[in-house]
N, C-alpha and C. Protein backbone atom coordinates (compact mmCIF):
# COMPACT_ATOMS: atom_id res chain seq x y z
N MET A 1 -1.56 31.38 -3.69
CA MET A 1 -0.71 30.26 -4.11
C MET A 1 -1.59 29.14 -4.65
N THR A 2 -1.27 28.64 -5.81
CA THR A 2 -2.02 27.58 -6.44
C THR A 2 -1.60 26.22 -5.89
N ALA A 3 -2.58 25.37 -5.63
CA ALA A 3 -2.28 24.03 -5.15
C ALA A 3 -1.61 23.23 -6.26
N PRO A 4 -0.63 22.40 -5.92
CA PRO A 4 0.03 21.59 -6.95
C PRO A 4 -0.94 20.58 -7.55
N ASP A 5 -0.75 20.27 -8.81
CA ASP A 5 -1.57 19.30 -9.53
C ASP A 5 -0.81 17.97 -9.56
N LEU A 6 -1.26 17.03 -8.75
CA LEU A 6 -0.58 15.74 -8.63
C LEU A 6 -0.45 15.05 -9.98
N HIS A 7 -1.52 15.02 -10.74
CA HIS A 7 -1.50 14.27 -12.00
C HIS A 7 -0.63 14.95 -13.06
N ALA A 8 -0.54 16.27 -13.01
CA ALA A 8 0.40 16.98 -13.90
C ALA A 8 1.84 16.65 -13.50
N LEU A 9 2.10 16.59 -12.20
CA LEU A 9 3.44 16.23 -11.72
C LEU A 9 3.80 14.80 -12.15
N LEU A 10 2.85 13.87 -12.02
CA LEU A 10 3.11 12.49 -12.43
C LEU A 10 3.33 12.38 -13.94
N ALA A 11 2.59 13.17 -14.71
CA ALA A 11 2.80 13.18 -16.17
C ALA A 11 4.18 13.74 -16.50
N GLU A 12 4.58 14.83 -15.82
CA GLU A 12 5.91 15.41 -16.03
C GLU A 12 7.00 14.40 -15.67
N ALA A 13 6.70 13.53 -14.69
CA ALA A 13 7.66 12.51 -14.26
C ALA A 13 7.69 11.32 -15.22
N GLY A 14 6.82 11.32 -16.24
CA GLY A 14 6.79 10.21 -17.18
C GLY A 14 6.06 8.99 -16.64
N LEU A 15 5.21 9.18 -15.62
CA LEU A 15 4.53 8.06 -14.99
C LEU A 15 3.05 7.97 -15.33
N ALA A 16 2.56 8.84 -16.19
CA ALA A 16 1.12 8.89 -16.48
C ALA A 16 0.56 7.55 -16.95
N ASP A 17 1.33 6.79 -17.70
CA ASP A 17 0.82 5.51 -18.21
C ASP A 17 0.69 4.44 -17.13
N LYS A 18 1.31 4.63 -15.97
CA LYS A 18 1.23 3.68 -14.87
C LYS A 18 0.17 4.05 -13.84
N VAL A 19 -0.39 5.25 -13.97
CA VAL A 19 -1.25 5.81 -12.93
C VAL A 19 -2.70 5.35 -13.06
N VAL A 20 -3.26 4.96 -11.93
CA VAL A 20 -4.70 4.80 -11.79
C VAL A 20 -5.13 5.93 -10.87
N ARG A 21 -5.92 6.83 -11.41
CA ARG A 21 -6.35 8.01 -10.67
C ARG A 21 -7.35 7.60 -9.59
N VAL A 22 -7.07 7.98 -8.35
CA VAL A 22 -8.00 7.75 -7.26
C VAL A 22 -8.87 9.00 -7.07
N ASP A 23 -8.20 10.14 -6.99
CA ASP A 23 -8.88 11.44 -7.00
C ASP A 23 -7.85 12.50 -7.35
N ASP A 24 -8.18 13.78 -7.20
CA ASP A 24 -7.26 14.84 -7.61
C ASP A 24 -5.96 14.84 -6.82
N ARG A 25 -5.97 14.32 -5.60
CA ARG A 25 -4.79 14.37 -4.74
C ARG A 25 -4.19 13.00 -4.44
N LEU A 26 -4.66 11.96 -5.15
CA LEU A 26 -4.23 10.61 -4.86
C LEU A 26 -4.20 9.77 -6.13
N ALA A 27 -3.14 8.95 -6.26
CA ALA A 27 -3.00 8.05 -7.41
C ALA A 27 -2.40 6.74 -6.94
N ARG A 28 -2.64 5.70 -7.72
CA ARG A 28 -2.09 4.37 -7.42
C ARG A 28 -1.31 3.90 -8.64
N LEU A 29 -0.14 3.31 -8.39
CA LEU A 29 0.72 2.77 -9.44
C LEU A 29 1.14 1.36 -9.04
N GLN A 30 1.21 0.44 -10.01
CA GLN A 30 1.60 -0.94 -9.74
C GLN A 30 3.07 -1.14 -10.08
N TRP A 31 3.78 -1.85 -9.21
CA TRP A 31 5.17 -2.25 -9.46
C TRP A 31 5.27 -3.73 -9.13
N GLY A 32 5.18 -4.58 -10.11
CA GLY A 32 5.26 -6.02 -9.86
C GLY A 32 4.16 -6.44 -8.90
N SER A 33 4.56 -7.08 -7.81
CA SER A 33 3.59 -7.54 -6.82
C SER A 33 3.22 -6.47 -5.80
N ALA A 34 3.84 -5.31 -5.90
CA ALA A 34 3.58 -4.23 -4.95
C ALA A 34 2.86 -3.08 -5.66
N PHE A 35 2.18 -2.25 -4.87
CA PHE A 35 1.60 -1.04 -5.43
C PHE A 35 2.02 0.14 -4.58
N VAL A 36 2.01 1.30 -5.22
CA VAL A 36 2.43 2.53 -4.56
C VAL A 36 1.28 3.52 -4.65
N ILE A 37 0.99 4.15 -3.54
CA ILE A 37 0.00 5.22 -3.50
C ILE A 37 0.78 6.52 -3.40
N VAL A 38 0.52 7.44 -4.34
CA VAL A 38 1.18 8.74 -4.35
C VAL A 38 0.11 9.77 -4.03
N GLY A 39 0.44 10.65 -3.08
CA GLY A 39 -0.56 11.65 -2.70
C GLY A 39 0.05 12.94 -2.25
N LEU A 40 -0.78 13.97 -2.30
CA LEU A 40 -0.41 15.29 -1.80
C LEU A 40 -0.98 15.44 -0.41
N SER A 41 -0.17 15.96 0.48
CA SER A 41 -0.61 16.23 1.85
C SER A 41 -0.05 17.59 2.23
N GLY A 42 -0.89 18.61 2.10
CA GLY A 42 -0.43 19.96 2.35
C GLY A 42 0.61 20.34 1.32
N ALA A 43 1.80 20.74 1.78
CA ALA A 43 2.88 21.15 0.89
C ALA A 43 3.83 20.01 0.56
N ALA A 44 3.45 18.78 0.93
CA ALA A 44 4.32 17.63 0.71
C ALA A 44 3.70 16.65 -0.27
N ILE A 45 4.57 15.86 -0.89
CA ILE A 45 4.14 14.74 -1.72
C ILE A 45 4.75 13.49 -1.12
N VAL A 46 3.96 12.44 -1.04
CA VAL A 46 4.42 11.19 -0.43
C VAL A 46 4.12 10.03 -1.36
N ALA A 47 4.98 9.03 -1.31
CA ALA A 47 4.78 7.77 -2.02
C ALA A 47 4.83 6.68 -0.96
N ILE A 48 3.76 5.90 -0.87
CA ILE A 48 3.65 4.88 0.17
C ILE A 48 3.28 3.55 -0.48
N ALA A 49 4.02 2.51 -0.13
CA ALA A 49 3.68 1.15 -0.55
C ALA A 49 3.25 0.37 0.69
N PRO A 50 1.95 0.16 0.86
CA PRO A 50 1.49 -0.64 2.01
C PRO A 50 1.83 -2.11 1.75
N LEU A 51 2.56 -2.71 2.68
CA LEU A 51 3.03 -4.08 2.46
C LEU A 51 2.35 -5.11 3.34
N PHE A 52 2.21 -4.81 4.63
CA PHE A 52 1.67 -5.78 5.57
C PHE A 52 0.68 -5.10 6.52
N ARG A 53 -0.41 -5.78 6.81
CA ARG A 53 -1.45 -5.23 7.67
C ARG A 53 -0.99 -5.11 9.13
N SER A 54 0.01 -5.90 9.49
CA SER A 54 0.54 -5.89 10.85
C SER A 54 1.93 -6.51 10.83
N VAL A 55 2.65 -6.33 11.92
CA VAL A 55 3.95 -7.00 12.03
C VAL A 55 3.68 -8.49 12.20
N PRO A 56 4.63 -9.34 11.85
CA PRO A 56 4.38 -10.78 11.96
C PRO A 56 4.17 -11.19 13.42
N ARG A 57 3.38 -12.23 13.61
CA ARG A 57 3.10 -12.72 14.97
C ARG A 57 4.35 -13.27 15.64
N ASP A 58 5.23 -13.88 14.85
CA ASP A 58 6.43 -14.51 15.39
C ASP A 58 7.67 -13.76 14.89
N ASN A 59 8.76 -13.88 15.62
CA ASN A 59 10.05 -13.30 15.21
C ASN A 59 9.99 -11.79 15.01
N GLU A 60 9.28 -11.11 15.89
CA GLU A 60 9.11 -9.67 15.74
C GLU A 60 10.45 -8.92 15.78
N ALA A 61 11.33 -9.29 16.69
CA ALA A 61 12.63 -8.61 16.78
C ALA A 61 13.45 -8.82 15.50
N ALA A 62 13.43 -10.04 14.98
CA ALA A 62 14.17 -10.32 13.73
C ALA A 62 13.56 -9.54 12.57
N PHE A 63 12.24 -9.39 12.57
CA PHE A 63 11.57 -8.62 11.52
C PHE A 63 12.00 -7.16 11.56
N TYR A 64 11.98 -6.56 12.75
CA TYR A 64 12.39 -5.16 12.88
C TYR A 64 13.85 -4.99 12.46
N ARG A 65 14.69 -5.93 12.84
CA ARG A 65 16.10 -5.85 12.44
C ARG A 65 16.23 -5.89 10.91
N LYS A 66 15.46 -6.78 10.27
CA LYS A 66 15.51 -6.90 8.81
C LYS A 66 15.06 -5.59 8.16
N LEU A 67 14.01 -4.96 8.70
CA LEU A 67 13.56 -3.68 8.14
C LEU A 67 14.66 -2.62 8.25
N LEU A 68 15.35 -2.57 9.40
CA LEU A 68 16.43 -1.60 9.56
C LEU A 68 17.59 -1.90 8.60
N GLU A 69 17.90 -3.18 8.40
CA GLU A 69 18.94 -3.53 7.44
C GLU A 69 18.54 -3.10 6.02
N HIS A 70 17.29 -3.33 5.67
CA HIS A 70 16.81 -2.90 4.36
C HIS A 70 16.84 -1.38 4.24
N ASN A 71 16.50 -0.67 5.31
CA ASN A 71 16.59 0.80 5.29
C ASN A 71 18.02 1.23 4.95
N ALA A 72 18.99 0.56 5.55
CA ALA A 72 20.39 0.91 5.28
C ALA A 72 20.75 0.63 3.82
N LEU A 73 20.26 -0.49 3.27
CA LEU A 73 20.55 -0.83 1.87
C LEU A 73 19.97 0.18 0.89
N MET A 74 18.84 0.79 1.27
CA MET A 74 18.18 1.74 0.36
C MET A 74 18.84 3.11 0.38
N GLY A 75 19.75 3.34 1.29
CA GLY A 75 20.55 4.57 1.30
C GLY A 75 19.75 5.86 1.35
N GLY A 76 18.60 5.85 2.03
CA GLY A 76 17.82 7.07 2.16
C GLY A 76 16.81 7.30 1.05
N MET A 77 16.78 6.44 0.04
CA MET A 77 15.83 6.60 -1.06
C MET A 77 14.39 6.35 -0.60
N ALA A 78 14.22 5.45 0.35
CA ALA A 78 12.92 5.10 0.92
C ALA A 78 13.20 4.48 2.28
N SER A 79 12.16 4.34 3.09
CA SER A 79 12.35 3.70 4.38
C SER A 79 11.09 2.99 4.83
N PHE A 80 11.28 1.96 5.62
CA PHE A 80 10.17 1.23 6.21
C PHE A 80 9.65 1.99 7.42
N ALA A 81 8.37 1.87 7.67
CA ALA A 81 7.75 2.48 8.84
C ALA A 81 6.54 1.64 9.24
N ILE A 82 6.14 1.79 10.49
CA ILE A 82 4.91 1.18 11.00
C ILE A 82 3.94 2.33 11.24
N GLN A 83 2.79 2.30 10.58
CA GLN A 83 1.81 3.35 10.76
C GLN A 83 1.01 3.13 12.04
N PRO A 84 0.37 4.18 12.55
CA PRO A 84 -0.41 4.03 13.79
C PRO A 84 -1.47 2.93 13.73
N ASP A 85 -2.00 2.64 12.55
CA ASP A 85 -3.01 1.57 12.43
C ASP A 85 -2.38 0.18 12.31
N GLY A 86 -1.04 0.09 12.38
CA GLY A 86 -0.35 -1.19 12.36
C GLY A 86 0.23 -1.59 11.03
N TRP A 87 -0.15 -0.92 9.93
CA TRP A 87 0.37 -1.27 8.61
C TRP A 87 1.87 -1.05 8.54
N VAL A 88 2.58 -2.01 7.95
CA VAL A 88 4.00 -1.88 7.65
C VAL A 88 4.07 -1.33 6.23
N VAL A 89 4.72 -0.18 6.07
CA VAL A 89 4.78 0.47 4.76
C VAL A 89 6.22 0.79 4.40
N LEU A 90 6.43 0.96 3.11
CA LEU A 90 7.68 1.52 2.61
C LEU A 90 7.30 2.87 2.04
N HIS A 91 8.03 3.93 2.41
CA HIS A 91 7.60 5.25 1.98
C HIS A 91 8.77 6.20 1.74
N ALA A 92 8.44 7.28 1.04
CA ALA A 92 9.36 8.39 0.82
C ALA A 92 8.51 9.62 0.60
N GLY A 93 9.06 10.76 0.92
CA GLY A 93 8.32 11.99 0.71
C GLY A 93 9.24 13.19 0.75
N ARG A 94 8.71 14.32 0.32
CA ARG A 94 9.45 15.58 0.34
C ARG A 94 8.49 16.71 0.06
N ALA A 95 8.98 17.92 0.20
CA ALA A 95 8.19 19.10 -0.13
C ALA A 95 7.96 19.15 -1.63
N VAL A 96 6.79 19.64 -2.04
CA VAL A 96 6.49 19.79 -3.46
C VAL A 96 7.29 20.95 -4.06
N LYS A 97 7.52 21.99 -3.27
CA LYS A 97 8.23 23.16 -3.78
C LYS A 97 9.60 22.76 -4.33
N GLY A 98 9.86 23.13 -5.56
CA GLY A 98 11.14 22.83 -6.20
C GLY A 98 11.25 21.44 -6.78
N LEU A 99 10.20 20.63 -6.64
CA LEU A 99 10.23 19.26 -7.16
C LEU A 99 10.12 19.27 -8.69
N ASP A 100 10.98 18.53 -9.34
CA ASP A 100 10.85 18.40 -10.79
C ASP A 100 10.46 16.96 -11.14
N GLY A 101 10.09 16.74 -12.39
CA GLY A 101 9.62 15.43 -12.82
C GLY A 101 10.61 14.31 -12.60
N ALA A 102 11.87 14.58 -12.87
CA ALA A 102 12.88 13.53 -12.71
C ALA A 102 13.01 13.11 -11.25
N GLU A 103 12.96 14.08 -10.35
CA GLU A 103 13.07 13.74 -8.93
C GLU A 103 11.85 12.96 -8.45
N LEU A 104 10.66 13.36 -8.91
CA LEU A 104 9.45 12.62 -8.53
C LEU A 104 9.50 11.20 -9.09
N ALA A 105 9.92 11.05 -10.33
CA ALA A 105 10.03 9.72 -10.93
C ALA A 105 10.99 8.84 -10.13
N THR A 106 12.11 9.40 -9.71
CA THR A 106 13.09 8.66 -8.92
C THR A 106 12.50 8.23 -7.59
N MET A 107 11.80 9.16 -6.93
CA MET A 107 11.22 8.87 -5.62
C MET A 107 10.16 7.76 -5.71
N VAL A 108 9.23 7.90 -6.64
CA VAL A 108 8.15 6.93 -6.77
C VAL A 108 8.69 5.57 -7.23
N ALA A 109 9.60 5.58 -8.20
CA ALA A 109 10.18 4.33 -8.68
C ALA A 109 10.99 3.62 -7.60
N ALA A 110 11.68 4.37 -6.76
CA ALA A 110 12.45 3.75 -5.68
C ALA A 110 11.50 3.03 -4.72
N VAL A 111 10.43 3.68 -4.34
CA VAL A 111 9.47 3.04 -3.44
C VAL A 111 8.88 1.80 -4.12
N GLY A 112 8.49 1.92 -5.38
CA GLY A 112 7.90 0.79 -6.09
C GLY A 112 8.86 -0.37 -6.27
N ARG A 113 10.05 -0.09 -6.71
CA ARG A 113 11.02 -1.17 -6.97
C ARG A 113 11.46 -1.86 -5.68
N TYR A 114 11.74 -1.07 -4.65
CA TYR A 114 12.14 -1.69 -3.37
C TYR A 114 10.98 -2.46 -2.75
N ALA A 115 9.76 -1.94 -2.84
CA ALA A 115 8.60 -2.66 -2.31
C ALA A 115 8.42 -3.99 -3.03
N ASP A 116 8.57 -3.98 -4.34
CA ASP A 116 8.44 -5.21 -5.12
C ASP A 116 9.54 -6.20 -4.78
N LEU A 117 10.74 -5.72 -4.54
CA LEU A 117 11.86 -6.59 -4.17
C LEU A 117 11.68 -7.16 -2.77
N PHE A 118 11.40 -6.29 -1.80
CA PHE A 118 11.40 -6.72 -0.40
C PHE A 118 10.12 -7.41 0.03
N ASP A 119 8.98 -7.16 -0.62
CA ASP A 119 7.75 -7.80 -0.15
C ASP A 119 7.85 -9.31 -0.26
N ASP A 120 8.33 -9.82 -1.38
CA ASP A 120 8.45 -11.27 -1.54
C ASP A 120 9.44 -11.88 -0.55
N GLN A 121 10.56 -11.20 -0.33
CA GLN A 121 11.55 -11.70 0.63
C GLN A 121 10.97 -11.74 2.04
N LEU A 122 10.29 -10.68 2.44
CA LEU A 122 9.73 -10.61 3.79
C LEU A 122 8.58 -11.59 3.96
N ILE A 123 7.78 -11.78 2.92
CA ILE A 123 6.70 -12.77 3.00
C ILE A 123 7.29 -14.16 3.22
N ALA A 124 8.30 -14.52 2.44
CA ALA A 124 8.92 -15.84 2.56
C ALA A 124 9.52 -16.06 3.95
N GLU A 125 10.15 -15.01 4.49
CA GLU A 125 10.84 -15.16 5.76
C GLU A 125 9.93 -15.02 6.98
N PHE A 126 8.92 -14.15 6.90
CA PHE A 126 8.15 -13.83 8.11
C PHE A 126 6.64 -14.06 8.02
N TYR A 127 6.09 -14.17 6.82
CA TYR A 127 4.64 -14.23 6.68
C TYR A 127 4.13 -15.51 6.02
N ALA A 128 4.96 -16.54 5.90
CA ALA A 128 4.51 -17.77 5.25
C ALA A 128 3.30 -18.37 5.96
N ALA A 129 3.25 -18.28 7.28
CA ALA A 129 2.13 -18.82 8.05
C ALA A 129 1.05 -17.77 8.31
N GLN A 130 1.21 -16.59 7.75
CA GLN A 130 0.29 -15.49 8.02
C GLN A 130 -0.02 -14.71 6.73
N PRO A 131 -0.40 -15.39 5.65
CA PRO A 131 -0.60 -14.70 4.37
C PRO A 131 -1.71 -13.65 4.40
N GLU A 132 -2.66 -13.80 5.31
CA GLU A 132 -3.74 -12.82 5.41
C GLU A 132 -3.25 -11.44 5.85
N ALA A 133 -2.05 -11.36 6.38
CA ALA A 133 -1.49 -10.08 6.84
C ALA A 133 -0.75 -9.33 5.74
N THR A 134 -0.64 -9.93 4.56
CA THR A 134 0.11 -9.28 3.48
C THR A 134 -0.81 -8.46 2.58
N ASN A 135 -0.20 -7.60 1.78
CA ASN A 135 -0.98 -6.81 0.83
C ASN A 135 -1.45 -7.66 -0.35
N GLN A 136 -1.01 -8.90 -0.42
CA GLN A 136 -1.36 -9.77 -1.52
C GLN A 136 -2.51 -10.71 -1.17
N ALA A 137 -3.00 -10.62 0.06
CA ALA A 137 -4.12 -11.47 0.46
C ALA A 137 -5.38 -11.01 -0.25
N PRO A 138 -6.17 -11.94 -0.74
CA PRO A 138 -7.42 -11.55 -1.39
C PRO A 138 -8.36 -10.92 -0.38
N VAL A 139 -9.11 -9.95 -0.85
CA VAL A 139 -10.12 -9.32 -0.02
C VAL A 139 -11.41 -10.07 -0.27
N ALA A 140 -11.92 -10.70 0.76
CA ALA A 140 -13.12 -11.51 0.60
C ALA A 140 -14.35 -10.63 0.49
N ALA A 141 -15.22 -11.01 -0.43
CA ALA A 141 -16.50 -10.32 -0.56
C ALA A 141 -17.41 -10.81 0.54
N PRO A 142 -18.29 -9.95 1.04
CA PRO A 142 -19.21 -10.40 2.08
C PRO A 142 -20.05 -11.56 1.57
N VAL A 143 -20.21 -12.54 2.40
CA VAL A 143 -20.99 -13.72 2.06
C VAL A 143 -22.29 -13.66 2.84
N GLU A 144 -23.39 -13.83 2.13
CA GLU A 144 -24.69 -13.86 2.81
C GLU A 144 -25.00 -15.30 3.16
N ALA A 145 -25.13 -15.55 4.44
CA ALA A 145 -25.44 -16.89 4.89
C ALA A 145 -26.94 -17.13 4.74
N PRO A 146 -27.32 -18.39 4.46
CA PRO A 146 -28.75 -18.69 4.38
C PRO A 146 -29.42 -18.41 5.73
N ILE A 147 -30.59 -17.86 5.67
CA ILE A 147 -31.38 -17.60 6.87
C ILE A 147 -32.58 -18.51 6.82
N GLU A 148 -32.84 -19.19 7.91
CA GLU A 148 -33.95 -20.13 7.93
C GLU A 148 -35.26 -19.39 7.68
N ALA A 149 -36.04 -19.90 6.76
CA ALA A 149 -37.33 -19.30 6.44
C ALA A 149 -38.30 -19.52 7.59
N SER A 150 -39.28 -18.66 7.69
CA SER A 150 -40.23 -18.73 8.80
C SER A 150 -41.06 -19.99 8.76
N SER A 151 -41.18 -20.64 7.62
CA SER A 151 -41.98 -21.86 7.52
C SER A 151 -41.24 -23.07 8.09
N GLY A 152 -39.99 -22.86 8.48
CA GLY A 152 -39.20 -23.96 9.00
C GLY A 152 -38.42 -24.66 7.91
N ASP A 153 -38.57 -24.28 6.65
CA ASP A 153 -37.85 -24.86 5.52
C ASP A 153 -36.44 -24.29 5.48
N THR A 154 -35.44 -25.08 5.87
CA THR A 154 -34.06 -24.59 5.94
C THR A 154 -33.44 -24.43 4.57
N ALA A 155 -34.05 -24.96 3.53
CA ALA A 155 -33.49 -24.81 2.19
C ALA A 155 -33.80 -23.42 1.62
N ALA A 156 -34.80 -22.77 2.13
CA ALA A 156 -35.17 -21.44 1.64
C ALA A 156 -34.26 -20.40 2.26
N THR A 157 -33.99 -19.37 1.51
CA THR A 157 -33.21 -18.26 2.04
C THR A 157 -33.96 -16.97 1.81
N ARG A 158 -33.67 -15.98 2.63
CA ARG A 158 -34.24 -14.67 2.44
C ARG A 158 -33.20 -13.63 2.84
N GLN A 159 -33.37 -12.43 2.37
CA GLN A 159 -32.44 -11.35 2.67
C GLN A 159 -32.67 -10.87 4.10
N PRO A 160 -31.60 -10.45 4.77
CA PRO A 160 -31.80 -9.90 6.12
C PRO A 160 -32.64 -8.63 6.06
N GLN A 161 -33.40 -8.43 7.10
CA GLN A 161 -34.24 -7.23 7.18
C GLN A 161 -33.36 -6.01 7.40
N THR A 162 -33.63 -4.92 6.65
CA THR A 162 -32.80 -3.73 6.77
C THR A 162 -33.52 -2.55 7.36
N ASP A 163 -34.84 -2.69 7.66
CA ASP A 163 -35.54 -1.53 8.22
C ASP A 163 -35.81 -1.67 9.69
């Protein structure tokens, strides 16, 4: 049995122009302020939009209720979940067998469109004081702090020793 070709499936779905190839089994697509990762996992294909690094610190019960209400509004097209590492995601998936381009396009677009719609609403309601927990928080580059030179000159800097 031949392994499915993710990028051929995405091209058949008419999504090739939106795809950033991560590797043979993984792709990333942008939908407004949200992004969707599409991947193959065994005999399944999944579309996942990572939205929040963790549940909000405050109003946790109201947050979970809102996610369930949104799940109901999506009518089974996609659903919210909390991953074991704490990420709040919107996802959908199914077996690759029998999948056609139109169905894949519908699945991926549903995750992307709903993620783009709901991320802003959830940020406004639950993450205004916690922007670092959202998928829109900038990823800081490591900063090298000045290290006092051996001569006692604090204006001098040197690289940390790596050996």
